[in-house]
Amino acid sequence: MLDKICLALVIIGSLNWGSVGLFQFDIVAWLFGGSDAIISRIIYTVIALAGVWCISLLFRGSEDTVTEINRE
């Protein structure tokens, strides 16, 4: 379950970075009062931690991942 939550957060983060790259528009900053706002910084940090967690997905065996998905 944690893998799916982290993956969803990483996807949201990538969409935000895509909007920054393509349109120079930071969705998180827009929603929460600027990139310096404490809530924006918390969201950036949570998404970064989710990205770090998703690194572990690269090093897991495919059988482990399939077994975990089937269990859920």
C-alpha atoms as a PDB file:
ATOM      1  CA  MET A   1       0.000   0.000   0.000  1.00  0.00           C
ATOM      2  CA  LEU A   2       2.859   2.383   0.836  1.00  0.00           C
ATOM      3  CA  ASP A   3       4.360   1.714  -2.603  1.00  0.00           C
ATOM      4  CA  LYS A   4       1.143   2.799  -4.311  1.00  0.00           C
ATOM      5  CA  ILE A   5       0.820   5.964  -2.215  1.00  0.00           C
ATOM      6  CA  CYS A   6       4.435   6.907  -2.907  1.00  0.00           C
ATOM      7  CA  LEU A   7       4.051   6.187  -6.597  1.00  0.00           C
ATOM      8  CA  ALA A   8       0.937   8.391  -6.749  1.00  0.00           C
ATOM      9  CA  LEU A   9       2.823  11.219  -5.018  1.00  0.00           C
ATOM     10  CA  VAL A  10       5.736  10.867  -7.429  1.00  0.00           C
ATOM     11  CA  ILE A  11       3.332  11.066 -10.372  1.00  0.00           C
ATOM     12  CA  ILE A  12       1.738  14.213  -8.922  1.00  0.00           C
ATOM     13  CA  GLY A  13       5.197  15.683  -8.426  1.00  0.00           C
ATOM     14  CA  SER A  14       6.203  14.888 -11.986  1.00  0.00           C
ATOM     15  CA  LEU A  15       3.062  16.569 -13.324  1.00  0.00           C
ATOM     16  CA  ASN A  16       3.898  19.646 -11.257  1.00  0.00           C
ATOM     17  CA  TRP A  17       7.464  19.701 -12.615  1.00  0.00           C
ATOM     18  CA  GLY A  18       6.081  19.219 -16.119  1.00  0.00           C
ATOM     19  CA  SER A  19       3.876  22.277 -15.689  1.00  0.00           C
ATOM     20  CA  VAL A  20       6.889  24.234 -14.397  1.00  0.00           C
ATOM     21  CA  GLY A  21       8.992  23.164 -17.376  1.00  0.00           C
ATOM     22  CA  LEU A  22       6.359  23.697 -20.043  1.00  0.00           C
ATOM     23  CA  PHE A  23       4.381  26.651 -18.732  1.00  0.00           C
ATOM     24  CA  GLN A  24       6.517  28.129 -15.913  1.00  0.00           C
ATOM     25  CA  PHE A  25       3.562  27.460 -13.614  1.00  0.00           C
ATOM     26  CA  ASP A  26       4.059  25.787 -10.222  1.00  0.00           C
ATOM     27  CA  ILE A  27       0.723  24.222  -9.263  1.00  0.00           C
ATOM     28  CA  VAL A  28       1.723  23.545  -5.633  1.00  0.00           C
ATOM     29  CA  ALA A  29       2.885  27.121  -5.112  1.00  0.00           C
ATOM     30  CA  TRP A  30      -0.263  28.450  -6.755  1.00  0.00           C
ATOM     31  CA  LEU A  31      -2.545  26.317  -4.587  1.00  0.00           C
ATOM     32  CA  PHE A  32      -0.802  26.915  -1.285  1.00  0.00           C
ATOM     33  CA  GLY A  33       0.409  30.523  -1.350  1.00  0.00           C
ATOM     34  CA  GLY A  34       3.802  30.471  -3.014  1.00  0.00           C
ATOM     35  CA  SER A  35       6.824  28.235  -2.976  1.00  0.00           C
ATOM     36  CA  ASP A  36       8.074  29.776   0.283  1.00  0.00           C
ATOM     37  CA  ALA A  37       4.856  28.986   2.183  1.00  0.00           C
ATOM     38  CA  ILE A  38       5.363  26.363   4.881  1.00  0.00           C
ATOM     39  CA  ILE A  39       2.601  24.090   3.525  1.00  0.00           C
ATOM     40  CA  SER A  40       4.175  24.180   0.049  1.00  0.00           C
ATOM     41  CA  ARG A  41       7.550  23.269   1.520  1.00  0.00           C
ATOM     42  CA  ILE A  42       5.957  20.375   3.437  1.00  0.00           C
ATOM     43  CA  ILE A  43       4.314  19.101   0.251  1.00  0.00           C
ATOM     44  CA  TYR A  44       7.592  19.366  -1.673  1.00  0.00           C
ATOM     45  CA  THR A  45       9.343  17.438   1.104  1.00  0.00           C
ATOM     46  CA  VAL A  46       6.698  14.700   1.253  1.00  0.00           C
ATOM     47  CA  ILE A  47       6.867  14.242  -2.515  1.00  0.00           C
ATOM     48  CA  ALA A  48      10.676  14.123  -2.360  1.00  0.00           C
ATOM     49  CA  LEU A  49      10.531  11.445   0.351  1.00  0.00           C
ATOM     50  CA  ALA A  50       8.081   9.483  -1.797  1.00  0.00           C
ATOM     51  CA  GLY A  51      10.576   9.686  -4.652  1.00  0.00           C
ATOM     52  CA  VAL A  52      13.341   8.372  -2.422  1.00  0.00           C
ATOM     53  CA  TRP A  53      11.064   5.506  -1.353  1.00  0.00           C
ATOM     54  CA  CYS A  54      10.315   4.692  -5.018  1.00  0.00           C
ATOM     55  CA  ILE A  55      14.028   4.192  -5.639  1.00  0.00           C
ATOM     56  CA  SER A  56      13.604   0.927  -3.740  1.00  0.00           C
ATOM     57  CA  LEU A  57      11.175  -0.228  -6.434  1.00  0.00           C
ATOM     58  CA  LEU A  58      14.089  -0.335  -8.873  1.00  0.00           C
ATOM     59  CA  PHE A  59      16.002  -2.822  -6.754  1.00  0.00           C
ATOM     60  CA  ARG A  60      13.220  -5.235  -5.902  1.00  0.00           C
ATOM     61  CA  GLY A  61      12.839  -8.459  -7.813  1.00  0.00           C
ATOM     62  CA  SER A  62       9.901  -8.625 -10.203  1.00  0.00           C
ATOM     63  CA  GLU A  63       8.572 -11.685  -8.354  1.00  0.00           C
ATOM     64  CA  ASP A  64       8.437  -9.734  -5.066  1.00  0.00           C
ATOM     65  CA  THR A  65       6.491  -6.925  -6.714  1.00  0.00           C
ATOM     66  CA  VAL A  66       3.996  -9.300  -8.346  1.00  0.00           C
ATOM     67  CA  THR A  67       3.480 -11.137  -5.058  1.00  0.00           C
ATOM     68  CA  GLU A  68       2.823  -7.864  -3.206  1.00  0.00           C
ATOM     69  CA  ILE A  69       0.332  -6.687  -5.824  1.00  0.00           C
ATOM     70  CA  ASN A  70      -1.527  -9.994  -5.742  1.00  0.00           C
ATOM     71  CA  ARG A  71      -1.713  -9.884  -1.927  1.00  0.00           C
ATOM     72  CA  GLU A  72      -3.482  -6.532  -2.027  1.00  0.00           C
END
